[in-house]
Amino acid sequence: RLSCAASGFTFSDYAMSWVRQAPGKGLEWVSSIRRDAGAKSYVDSAK
């Protein structure tokens, strides 16, 4: 379980994402969540 502690802005105003970078690869979007957590999305390989 990964955690990300946010500060310096109104966290609840923003959608957030997880993005990963495998060795030797570019950035790959993994998942996003709406500001109120009411909607989520995932890369196919993570679903």
All heavy atoms as atom14 arrays in JSON, in Angstrom:
{
  "sequence": "RLSCAASGFTFSDYAMSWVRQAPGKGLEWVSSIRRDAGAKSYVDSAK",
  "atom14_mask": [
    [1, 1, 1, 1, 1, 1, 1, 1, 1, 1, 1, 0, 0, 0],
    [1, 1, 1, 1, 1, 1, 1, 1, 0, 0, 0, 0, 0, 0],
    [1, 1, 1, 1, 1, 1, 0, 0, 0, 0, 0, 0, 0, 0],
    [1, 1, 1, 1, 1, 1, 0, 0, 0, 0, 0, 0, 0, 0],
    [1, 1, 1, 1, 1, 0, 0, 0, 0, 0, 0, 0, 0, 0],
    [1, 1, 1, 1, 1, 0, 0, 0, 0, 0, 0, 0, 0, 0],
    [1, 1, 1, 1, 1, 1, 0, 0, 0, 0, 0, 0, 0, 0],
    [1, 1, 1, 1, 0, 0, 0, 0, 0, 0, 0, 0, 0, 0],
    [1, 1, 1, 1, 1, 1, 1, 1, 1, 1, 1, 0, 0, 0],
    [1, 1, 1, 1, 1, 1, 1, 0, 0, 0, 0, 0, 0, 0],
    [1, 1, 1, 1, 1, 1, 1, 1, 1, 1, 1, 0, 0, 0],
    [1, 1, 1, 1, 1, 1, 0, 0, 0, 0, 0, 0, 0, 0],
    [1, 1, 1, 1, 1, 1, 1, 1, 0, 0, 0, 0, 0, 0],
    [1, 1, 1, 1, 1, 1, 1, 1, 1, 1, 1, 1, 0, 0],
    [1, 1, 1, 1, 1, 0, 0, 0, 0, 0, 0, 0, 0, 0],
    [1, 1, 1, 1, 1, 1, 1, 1, 0, 0, 0, 0, 0, 0],
    [1, 1, 1, 1, 1, 1, 0, 0, 0, 0, 0, 0, 0, 0],
    [1, 1, 1, 1, 1, 1, 1, 1, 1, 1, 1, 1, 1, 1],
    [1, 1, 1, 1, 1, 1, 1, 0, 0, 0, 0, 0, 0, 0],
    [1, 1, 1, 1, 1, 1, 1, 1, 1, 1, 1, 0, 0, 0],
    [1, 1, 1, 1, 1, 1, 1, 1, 1, 0, 0, 0, 0, 0],
    [1, 1, 1, 1, 1, 0, 0, 0, 0, 0, 0, 0, 0, 0],
    [1, 1, 1, 1, 1, 1, 1, 0, 0, 0, 0, 0, 0, 0],
    [1, 1, 1, 1, 0, 0, 0, 0, 0, 0, 0, 0, 0, 0],
    [1, 1, 1, 1, 1, 1, 1, 1, 1, 0, 0, 0, 0, 0],
    [1, 1, 1, 1, 0, 0, 0, 0, 0, 0, 0, 0, 0, 0],
    [1, 1, 1, 1, 1, 1, 1, 1, 0, 0, 0, 0, 0, 0],
    [1, 1, 1, 1, 1, 1, 1, 1, 1, 0, 0, 0, 0, 0],
    [1, 1, 1, 1, 1, 1, 1, 1, 1, 1, 1, 1, 1, 1],
    [1, 1, 1, 1, 1, 1, 1, 0, 0, 0, 0, 0, 0, 0],
    [1, 1, 1, 1, 1, 1, 0, 0, 0, 0, 0, 0, 0, 0],
    [1, 1, 1, 1, 1, 1, 0, 0, 0, 0, 0, 0, 0, 0],
    [1, 1, 1, 1, 1, 1, 1, 1, 0, 0, 0, 0, 0, 0],
    [1, 1, 1, 1, 1, 1, 1, 1, 1, 1, 1, 0, 0, 0],
    [1, 1, 1, 1, 1, 1, 1, 1, 1, 1, 1, 0, 0, 0],
    [1, 1, 1, 1, 1, 1, 1, 1, 0, 0, 0, 0, 0, 0],
    [1, 1, 1, 1, 1, 0, 0, 0, 0, 0, 0, 0, 0, 0],
    [1, 1, 1, 1, 0, 0, 0, 0, 0, 0, 0, 0, 0, 0],
    [1, 1, 1, 1, 1, 0, 0, 0, 0, 0, 0, 0, 0, 0],
    [1, 1, 1, 1, 1, 1, 1, 1, 1, 0, 0, 0, 0, 0],
    [1, 1, 1, 1, 1, 1, 0, 0, 0, 0, 0, 0, 0, 0],
    [1, 1, 1, 1, 1, 1, 1, 1, 1, 1, 1, 1, 0, 0],
    [1, 1, 1, 1, 1, 1, 1, 0, 0, 0, 0, 0, 0, 0],
    [1, 1, 1, 1, 1, 1, 1, 1, 0, 0, 0, 0, 0, 0],
    [1, 1, 1, 1, 1, 1, 0, 0, 0, 0, 0, 0, 0, 0],
    [1, 1, 1, 1, 1, 0, 0, 0, 0, 0, 0, 0, 0, 0],
    [1, 1, 1, 1, 1, 1, 1, 1, 1, 0, 0, 0, 0, 0]
  ],
  "atom14_positions": [
    [[0.84, -1.18, 0.0], [0.0, 0.0, 0.0], [0.88, 1.23, 0.0], [1.66, 1.45, 0.93], [-0.95, 0.05, 1.2], [-1.97, 1.18, 1.07], [-2.96, 1.26, 2.21], [-2.38, 1.85, 3.4], [-3.09, 2.41, 4.38], [-4.42, 2.44, 4.3], [-2.48, 2.91, 5.44], [0.0, 0.0, 0.0], [0.0, 0.0, 0.0], [0.0, 0.0, 0.0]],
    [[0.75, 2.02, -1.03], [1.47, 3.26, -1.14], [0.65, 4.39, -0.57], [-0.57, 4.42, -0.7], [1.81, 3.57, -2.6], [2.51, 2.47, -3.39], [2.84, 2.98, -4.8], [3.76, 1.99, -2.68], [0.0, 0.0, 0.0], [0.0, 0.0, 0.0], [0.0, 0.0, 0.0], [0.0, 0.0, 0.0], [0.0, 0.0, 0.0], [0.0, 0.0, 0.0]],
    [[1.32, 5.34, 0.05], [0.67, 6.51, 0.59], [1.34, 7.76, 0.05], [2.53, 7.76, -0.25], [0.74, 6.53, 2.12], [0.08, 5.43, 2.69], [0.0, 0.0, 0.0], [0.0, 0.0, 0.0], [0.0, 0.0, 0.0], [0.0, 0.0, 0.0], [0.0, 0.0, 0.0], [0.0, 0.0, 0.0], [0.0, 0.0, 0.0], [0.0, 0.0, 0.0]],
    [[0.57, 8.81, -0.06], [1.08, 10.1, -0.5], [0.47, 11.16, 0.39], [-0.75, 11.39, 0.35], [0.74, 10.34, -1.97], [1.16, 11.99, -2.58], [0.0, 0.0, 0.0], [0.0, 0.0, 0.0], [0.0, 0.0, 0.0], [0.0, 0.0, 0.0], [0.0, 0.0, 0.0], [0.0, 0.0, 0.0], [0.0, 0.0, 0.0], [0.0, 0.0, 0.0]],
    [[1.3, 11.79, 1.19], [0.85, 12.86, 2.08], [0.99, 14.19, 1.37], [2.08, 14.56, 0.93], [1.66, 12.85, 3.37], [0.0, 0.0, 0.0], [0.0, 0.0, 0.0], [0.0, 0.0, 0.0], [0.0, 0.0, 0.0], [0.0, 0.0, 0.0], [0.0, 0.0, 0.0], [0.0, 0.0, 0.0], [0.0, 0.0, 0.0], [0.0, 0.0, 0.0]],
    [[-0.11, 14.91, 1.27], [-0.14, 16.17, 0.54], [-0.23, 17.35, 1.49], [-0.88, 17.29, 2.54], [-1.32, 16.2, -0.43], [0.0, 0.0, 0.0], [0.0, 0.0, 0.0], [0.0, 0.0, 0.0], [0.0, 0.0, 0.0], [0.0, 0.0, 0.0], [0.0, 0.0, 0.0], [0.0, 0.0, 0.0], [0.0, 0.0, 0.0], [0.0, 0.0, 0.0]],
    [[0.41, 18.44, 1.11], [0.33, 19.67, 1.89], [0.59, 20.85, 0.98], [1.1, 20.71, -0.13], [1.32, 19.65, 3.06], [2.66, 19.54, 2.6], [0.0, 0.0, 0.0], [0.0, 0.0, 0.0], [0.0, 0.0, 0.0], [0.0, 0.0, 0.0], [0.0, 0.0, 0.0], [0.0, 0.0, 0.0], [0.0, 0.0, 0.0], [0.0, 0.0, 0.0]],
    [[0.24, 22.03, 1.46], [0.51, 23.24, 0.72], [-0.57, 23.63, -0.28], [-0.39, 24.61, -1.02], [0.0, 0.0, 0.0], [0.0, 0.0, 0.0], [0.0, 0.0, 0.0], [0.0, 0.0, 0.0], [0.0, 0.0, 0.0], [0.0, 0.0, 0.0], [0.0, 0.0, 0.0], [0.0, 0.0, 0.0], [0.0, 0.0, 0.0], [0.0, 0.0, 0.0]],
    [[-1.64, 22.9, -0.3], [-2.77, 23.22, -1.18], [-4.01, 22.57, -0.64], [-3.94, 21.73, 0.28], [-2.49, 22.79, -2.63], [-2.39, 21.31, -2.83], [-3.46, 20.58, -3.34], [-1.23, 20.62, -2.52], [-3.37, 19.21, -3.54], [-1.13, 19.25, -2.71], [-2.2, 18.55, -3.22], [0.0, 0.0, 0.0], [0.0, 0.0, 0.0], [0.0, 0.0, 0.0]],
    [[-5.15, 22.94, -1.18], [-6.41, 22.36, -0.75], [-6.57, 21.02, -1.46], [-7.01, 20.95, -2.61], [-7.58, 23.29, -1.05], [-7.36, 24.55, -0.41], [-8.88, 22.69, -0.51], [0.0, 0.0, 0.0], [0.0, 0.0, 0.0], [0.0, 0.0, 0.0], [0.0, 0.0, 0.0], [0.0, 0.0, 0.0], [0.0, 0.0, 0.0], [0.0, 0.0, 0.0]],
    [[-6.2, 19.98, -0.76], [-6.15, 18.64, -1.34], [-7.48, 18.23, -1.96], [-7.51, 17.64, -3.05], [-5.74, 17.67, -0.23], [-5.6, 16.24, -0.66], [-4.59, 15.85, -1.51], [-6.48, 15.28, -0.19], [-4.45, 14.53, -1.89], [-6.35, 13.95, -0.56], [-5.33, 13.57, -1.42], [0.0, 0.0, 0.0], [0.0, 0.0, 0.0], [0.0, 0.0, 0.0]],
    [[-8.56, 18.53, -1.29], [-9.87, 18.1, -1.75], [-10.34, 18.8, -3.02], [-11.35, 18.4, -3.6], [-10.91, 18.29, -0.64], [-10.99, 19.66, -0.26], [0.0, 0.0, 0.0], [0.0, 0.0, 0.0], [0.0, 0.0, 0.0], [0.0, 0.0, 0.0], [0.0, 0.0, 0.0], [0.0, 0.0, 0.0], [0.0, 0.0, 0.0], [0.0, 0.0, 0.0]],
    [[-9.63, 19.81, -3.46], [-9.99, 20.51, -4.7], [-9.44, 19.83, -5.95], [-9.81, 20.23, -7.06], [-9.47, 21.95, -4.68], [-10.31, 22.87, -3.81], [-11.39, 22.46, -3.37], [-9.86, 24.01, -3.6], [0.0, 0.0, 0.0], [0.0, 0.0, 0.0], [0.0, 0.0, 0.0], [0.0, 0.0, 0.0], [0.0, 0.0, 0.0], [0.0, 0.0, 0.0]],
    [[-8.59, 18.85, -5.78], [-7.88, 18.3, -6.92], [-8.07, 16.8, -7.1], [-8.02, 16.04, -6.13], [-6.37, 18.57, -6.79], [-6.01, 20.02, -6.97], [-6.04, 20.89, -5.88], [-5.66, 20.51, -8.22], [-5.72, 22.22, -6.05], [-5.34, 21.85, -8.38], [-5.38, 22.7, -7.29], [-5.06, 24.02, -7.45], [0.0, 0.0, 0.0], [0.0, 0.0, 0.0]],
    [[-8.28, 16.41, -8.34], [-8.1, 15.01, -8.68], [-6.62, 14.66, -8.51], [-5.75, 15.53, -8.63], [-8.54, 14.74, -10.12], [0.0, 0.0, 0.0], [0.0, 0.0, 0.0], [0.0, 0.0, 0.0], [0.0, 0.0, 0.0], [0.0, 0.0, 0.0], [0.0, 0.0, 0.0], [0.0, 0.0, 0.0], [0.0, 0.0, 0.0], [0.0, 0.0, 0.0]],
    [[-6.35, 13.42, -8.21], [-4.98, 12.97, -7.99], [-4.73, 11.71, -8.81], [-5.65, 10.98, -9.15], [-4.73, 12.67, -6.51], [-4.88, 13.87, -5.59], [-3.57, 15.11, -5.79], [-2.13, 14.2, -5.25], [0.0, 0.0, 0.0], [0.0, 0.0, 0.0], [0.0, 0.0, 0.0], [0.0, 0.0, 0.0], [0.0, 0.0, 0.0], [0.0, 0.0, 0.0]],
    [[-3.46, 11.47, -9.08], [-3.08, 10.31, -9.87], [-1.86, 9.62, -9.3], [-1.06, 10.22, -8.58], [-2.77, 10.7, -11.32], [-3.91, 11.18, -12.0], [0.0, 0.0, 0.0], [0.0, 0.0, 0.0], [0.0, 0.0, 0.0], [0.0, 0.0, 0.0], [0.0, 0.0, 0.0], [0.0, 0.0, 0.0], [0.0, 0.0, 0.0], [0.0, 0.0, 0.0]],
    [[-1.72, 8.38, -9.68], [-0.48, 7.64, -9.54], [0.08, 7.39, -10.93], [-0.64, 6.98, -11.84], [-0.69, 6.3, -8.82], [-1.01, 6.45, -7.37], [-2.25, 6.45, -6.8], [-0.08, 6.61, -6.3], [-2.15, 6.61, -5.44], [-0.83, 6.7, -5.1], [1.32, 6.68, -6.23], [-0.22, 6.87, -3.85], [1.91, 6.85, -4.98], [1.14, 6.94, -3.82]],
    [[1.36, 7.65, -11.07], [2.08, 7.46, -12.32], [3.34, 6.67, -12.0], [3.94, 6.88, -10.95], [2.43, 8.81, -12.97], [3.2, 8.61, -14.27], [1.17, 9.62, -13.23], [0.0, 0.0, 0.0], [0.0, 0.0, 0.0], [0.0, 0.0, 0.0], [0.0, 0.0, 0.0], [0.0, 0.0, 0.0], [0.0, 0.0, 0.0], [0.0, 0.0, 0.0]],
    [[3.73, 5.77, -12.87], [4.92, 4.98, -12.59], [5.9, 5.03, -13.75], [5.55, 5.33, -14.88], [4.55, 3.52, -12.29], [3.98, 2.75, -13.46], [3.48, 1.38, -13.01], [2.89, 0.63, -14.1], [2.23, -0.51, -13.96], [2.09, -1.05, -12.75], [1.72, -1.12, -15.02], [0.0, 0.0, 0.0], [0.0, 0.0, 0.0], [0.0, 0.0, 0.0]],
    [[7.14, 4.72, -13.42], [8.18, 4.66, -14.42], [9.0, 3.4, -14.17], [9.73, 3.31, -13.18], [9.07, 5.9, -14.39], [10.08, 5.95, -15.53], [10.74, 7.3, -15.67], [10.95, 8.0, -14.68], [11.05, 7.68, -16.9], [0.0, 0.0, 0.0], [0.0, 0.0, 0.0], [0.0, 0.0, 0.0], [0.0, 0.0, 0.0], [0.0, 0.0, 0.0]],
    [[8.86, 2.45, -15.06], [9.63, 1.22, -14.97], [11.05, 1.47, -15.47], [11.31, 2.42, -16.21], [8.96, 0.13, -15.8], [0.0, 0.0, 0.0], [0.0, 0.0, 0.0], [0.0, 0.0, 0.0], [0.0, 0.0, 0.0], [0.0, 0.0, 0.0], [0.0, 0.0, 0.0], [0.0, 0.0, 0.0], [0.0, 0.0, 0.0], [0.0, 0.0, 0.0]],
    [[11.98, 0.6, -15.08], [13.37, 0.79, -15.52], [13.48, 0.87, -17.03], [12.98, 0.01, -17.76], [14.07, -0.46, -14.98], [13.25, -0.87, -13.8], [11.84, -0.55, -14.18], [0.0, 0.0, 0.0], [0.0, 0.0, 0.0], [0.0, 0.0, 0.0], [0.0, 0.0, 0.0], [0.0, 0.0, 0.0], [0.0, 0.0, 0.0], [0.0, 0.0, 0.0]],
    [[14.11, 1.92, -17.51], [14.31, 2.1, -18.93], [13.08, 2.49, -19.71], [13.13, 2.54, -20.95], [0.0, 0.0, 0.0], [0.0, 0.0, 0.0], [0.0, 0.0, 0.0], [0.0, 0.0, 0.0], [0.0, 0.0, 0.0], [0.0, 0.0, 0.0], [0.0, 0.0, 0.0], [0.0, 0.0, 0.0], [0.0, 0.0, 0.0], [0.0, 0.0, 0.0]],
    [[12.0, 2.77, -19.03], [10.74, 3.11, -19.7], [10.32, 4.54, -19.38], [10.85, 5.18, -18.49], [9.64, 2.14, -19.27], [9.95, 0.68, -19.51], [10.07, 0.36, -20.98], [10.28, -1.14, -21.19], [10.39, -1.48, -22.63], [0.0, 0.0, 0.0], [0.0, 0.0, 0.0], [0.0, 0.0, 0.0], [0.0, 0.0, 0.0], [0.0, 0.0, 0.0]],
    [[9.35, 5.0, -20.13], [8.8, 6.31, -19.89], [7.74, 6.29, -18.81], [7.42, 5.25, -18.22], [0.0, 0.0, 0.0], [0.0, 0.0, 0.0], [0.0, 0.0, 0.0], [0.0, 0.0, 0.0], [0.0, 0.0, 0.0], [0.0, 0.0, 0.0], [0.0, 0.0, 0.0], [0.0, 0.0, 0.0], [0.0, 0.0, 0.0], [0.0, 0.0, 0.0]],
    [[7.2, 7.44, -18.53], [6.14, 7.55, -17.54], [4.87, 6.88, -18.04], [4.47, 7.06, -19.18], [5.87, 9.02, -17.23], [7.0, 9.79, -16.54], [6.69, 11.28, -16.54], [7.18, 9.29, -15.11], [0.0, 0.0, 0.0], [0.0, 0.0, 0.0], [0.0, 0.0, 0.0], [0.0, 0.0, 0.0], [0.0, 0.0, 0.0], [0.0, 0.0, 0.0]],
    [[4.25, 6.14, -17.15], [3.01, 5.45, -17.47], [1.96, 5.82, -16.44], [2.14, 5.59, -15.24], [3.21, 3.93, -17.46], [1.93, 3.15, -17.77], [2.07, 1.66, -17.6], [2.91, 1.23, -16.77], [1.35, 0.91, -18.29], [0.0, 0.0, 0.0], [0.0, 0.0, 0.0], [0.0, 0.0, 0.0], [0.0, 0.0, 0.0], [0.0, 0.0, 0.0]],
    [[0.88, 6.38, -16.9], [-0.23, 6.65, -16.02], [-0.8, 5.34, -15.48], [-0.97, 4.38, -16.22], [-1.33, 7.42, -16.77], [-2.61, 7.51, -16.0], [-2.93, 8.41, -15.03], [-3.73, 6.63, -16.13], [-4.19, 8.15, -14.54], [-4.7, 7.08, -15.2], [-4.01, 5.53, -16.94], [-5.93, 6.45, -15.06], [-5.24, 4.9, -16.8], [-6.17, 5.36, -15.87]],
    [[-1.1, 5.31, -14.2], [-1.59, 4.11, -13.55], [-3.04, 4.25, -13.1], [-3.87, 3.38, -13.37], [-0.72, 3.73, -12.34], [-1.3, 2.52, -11.61], [0.71, 3.44, -12.8], [0.0, 0.0, 0.0], [0.0, 0.0, 0.0], [0.0, 0.0, 0.0], [0.0, 0.0, 0.0], [0.0, 0.0, 0.0], [0.0, 0.0, 0.0], [0.0, 0.0, 0.0]],
    [[-3.34, 5.34, -12.41], [-4.66, 5.47, -11.81], [-4.95, 6.92, -11.46], [-4.03, 7.68, -11.16], [-4.74, 4.61, -10.54], [-6.03, 4.63, -9.97], [0.0, 0.0, 0.0], [0.0, 0.0, 0.0], [0.0, 0.0, 0.0], [0.0, 0.0, 0.0], [0.0, 0.0, 0.0], [0.0, 0.0, 0.0], [0.0, 0.0, 0.0], [0.0, 0.0, 0.0]],
    [[-6.22, 7.28, -11.5], [-6.66, 8.61, -11.08], [-7.9, 8.49, -10.22], [-8.66, 7.52, -10.33], [-6.97, 9.5, -12.28], [-5.81, 9.79, -13.03], [0.0, 0.0, 0.0], [0.0, 0.0, 0.0], [0.0, 0.0, 0.0], [0.0, 0.0, 0.0], [0.0, 0.0, 0.0], [0.0, 0.0, 0.0], [0.0, 0.0, 0.0], [0.0, 0.0, 0.0]],
    [[-8.11, 9.49, -9.41], [-9.28, 9.54, -8.55], [-9.83, 10.96, -8.54], [-9.08, 11.93, -8.48], [-8.93, 9.05, -7.12], [-10.17, 8.96, -6.24], [-7.85, 9.93, -6.5], [-9.91, 8.21, -4.94], [0.0, 0.0, 0.0], [0.0, 0.0, 0.0], [0.0, 0.0, 0.0], [0.0, 0.0, 0.0], [0.0, 0.0, 0.0], [0.0, 0.0, 0.0]],
    [[-11.13, 11.07, -8.64], [-11.77, 12.37, -8.61], [-11.61, 13.01, -7.25], [-11.36, 12.34, -6.25], [-13.26, 12.2, -8.95], [-13.94, 13.48, -9.42], [-15.3, 13.18, -10.03], [-16.27, 12.77, -9.02], [-17.5, 12.34, -9.3], [-17.9, 12.25, -10.56], [-18.31, 11.99, -8.31], [0.0, 0.0, 0.0], [0.0, 0.0, 0.0], [0.0, 0.0, 0.0]],
    [[-11.77, 14.31, -7.21], [-11.52, 15.06, -5.99], [-12.33, 14.58, -4.8], [-11.85, 14.61, -3.66], [-11.76, 16.55, -6.22], [-13.2, 16.9, -6.54], [-13.35, 18.38, -6.87], [-12.79, 18.7, -8.19], [-12.75, 19.9, -8.7], [-13.22, 20.95, -8.0], [-12.24, 20.09, -9.9], [0.0, 0.0, 0.0], [0.0, 0.0, 0.0], [0.0, 0.0, 0.0]],
    [[-13.56, 14.12, -5.05], [-14.41, 13.62, -3.98], [-14.39, 12.1, -3.87], [-15.18, 11.53, -3.11], [-15.85, 14.1, -4.17], [-16.5, 13.55, -5.43], [-15.8, 12.9, -6.23], [-17.71, 13.77, -5.61], [0.0, 0.0, 0.0], [0.0, 0.0, 0.0], [0.0, 0.0, 0.0], [0.0, 0.0, 0.0], [0.0, 0.0, 0.0], [0.0, 0.0, 0.0]],
    [[-13.51, 11.46, -4.6], [-13.37, 10.01, -4.64], [-14.57, 9.32, -5.26], [-14.69, 8.09, -5.16], [-13.09, 9.44, -3.25], [0.0, 0.0, 0.0], [0.0, 0.0, 0.0], [0.0, 0.0, 0.0], [0.0, 0.0, 0.0], [0.0, 0.0, 0.0], [0.0, 0.0, 0.0], [0.0, 0.0, 0.0], [0.0, 0.0, 0.0], [0.0, 0.0, 0.0]],
    [[-15.42, 10.06, -5.92], [-16.61, 9.49, -6.51], [-16.39, 8.75, -7.81], [-17.31, 8.09, -8.3], [0.0, 0.0, 0.0], [0.0, 0.0, 0.0], [0.0, 0.0, 0.0], [0.0, 0.0, 0.0], [0.0, 0.0, 0.0], [0.0, 0.0, 0.0], [0.0, 0.0, 0.0], [0.0, 0.0, 0.0], [0.0, 0.0, 0.0], [0.0, 0.0, 0.0]],
    [[-15.23, 8.88, -8.39], [-14.9, 8.17, -9.63], [-13.43, 7.84, -9.63], [-12.61, 8.6, -9.1], [-15.26, 9.02, -10.84], [0.0, 0.0, 0.0], [0.0, 0.0, 0.0], [0.0, 0.0, 0.0], [0.0, 0.0, 0.0], [0.0, 0.0, 0.0], [0.0, 0.0, 0.0], [0.0, 0.0, 0.0], [0.0, 0.0, 0.0], [0.0, 0.0, 0.0]],
    [[-13.11, 6.71, -10.22], [-11.74, 6.23, -10.29], [-11.47, 5.62, -11.65], [-12.38, 5.14, -12.31], [-11.48, 5.19, -9.2], [-11.81, 5.63, -7.78], [-11.73, 4.47, -6.81], [-12.14, 4.9, -5.41], [-12.06, 3.76, -4.46], [0.0, 0.0, 0.0], [0.0, 0.0, 0.0], [0.0, 0.0, 0.0], [0.0, 0.0, 0.0], [0.0, 0.0, 0.0]],
    [[-10.22, 5.6, -12.03], [-9.85, 4.97, -13.28], [-8.49, 4.31, -13.13], [-7.68, 4.72, -12.28], [-9.84, 5.98, -14.44], [-8.94, 7.05, -14.18], [0.0, 0.0, 0.0], [0.0, 0.0, 0.0], [0.0, 0.0, 0.0], [0.0, 0.0, 0.0], [0.0, 0.0, 0.0], [0.0, 0.0, 0.0], [0.0, 0.0, 0.0], [0.0, 0.0, 0.0]],
    [[-8.25, 3.29, -13.96], [-7.03, 2.5, -13.86], [-6.52, 2.12, -15.23], [-7.3, 1.91, -16.17], [-7.27, 1.2, -13.09], [-7.81, 1.38, -11.7], [-9.18, 1.38, -11.47], [-6.96, 1.55, -10.63], [-9.69, 1.55, -10.19], [-7.45, 1.72, -9.34], [-8.82, 1.72, -9.13], [-9.31, 1.88, -7.87], [0.0, 0.0, 0.0], [0.0, 0.0, 0.0]],
    [[-5.22, 2.0, -15.34], [-4.65, 1.4, -16.53], [-5.12, -0.05, -16.6], [-5.33, -0.7, -15.57], [-3.11, 1.51, -16.5], [-2.52, 0.68, -15.37], [-2.51, 1.14, -17.84], [0.0, 0.0, 0.0], [0.0, 0.0, 0.0], [0.0, 0.0, 0.0], [0.0, 0.0, 0.0], [0.0, 0.0, 0.0], [0.0, 0.0, 0.0], [0.0, 0.0, 0.0]],
    [[-5.31, -0.55, -17.82], [-5.89, -1.88, -17.97], [-5.13, -2.95, -17.19], [-5.74, -3.86, -16.61], [-5.93, -2.27, -19.45], [-7.03, -1.56, -20.21], [-7.92, -0.97, -19.57], [-7.0, -1.6, -21.45], [0.0, 0.0, 0.0], [0.0, 0.0, 0.0], [0.0, 0.0, 0.0], [0.0, 0.0, 0.0], [0.0, 0.0, 0.0], [0.0, 0.0, 0.0]],
    [[-3.83, -2.86, -17.18], [-3.02, -3.88, -16.53], [-3.19, -3.91, -15.02], [-2.83, -4.89, -14.37], [-1.54, -3.69, -16.88], [-1.06, -2.45, -16.4], [0.0, 0.0, 0.0], [0.0, 0.0, 0.0], [0.0, 0.0, 0.0], [0.0, 0.0, 0.0], [0.0, 0.0, 0.0], [0.0, 0.0, 0.0], [0.0, 0.0, 0.0], [0.0, 0.0, 0.0]],
    [[-3.75, -2.85, -14.45], [-3.93, -2.77, -13.0], [-5.35, -3.06, -12.56], [-5.58, -3.26, -11.35], [-3.52, -1.39, -12.5], [0.0, 0.0, 0.0], [0.0, 0.0, 0.0], [0.0, 0.0, 0.0], [0.0, 0.0, 0.0], [0.0, 0.0, 0.0], [0.0, 0.0, 0.0], [0.0, 0.0, 0.0], [0.0, 0.0, 0.0], [0.0, 0.0, 0.0]],
    [[-6.27, -3.09, -13.47], [-7.67, -3.29, -13.11], [-7.87, -4.63, -12.41], [-7.38, -5.65, -12.85], [-8.55, -3.21, -14.36], [-8.64, -1.82, -14.94], [-9.5, -1.79, -16.2], [-9.58, -0.38, -16.76], [-10.34, -0.34, -18.03], [0.0, 0.0, 0.0], [0.0, 0.0, 0.0], [0.0, 0.0, 0.0], [0.0, 0.0, 0.0], [0.0, 0.0, 0.0]]
  ]
}
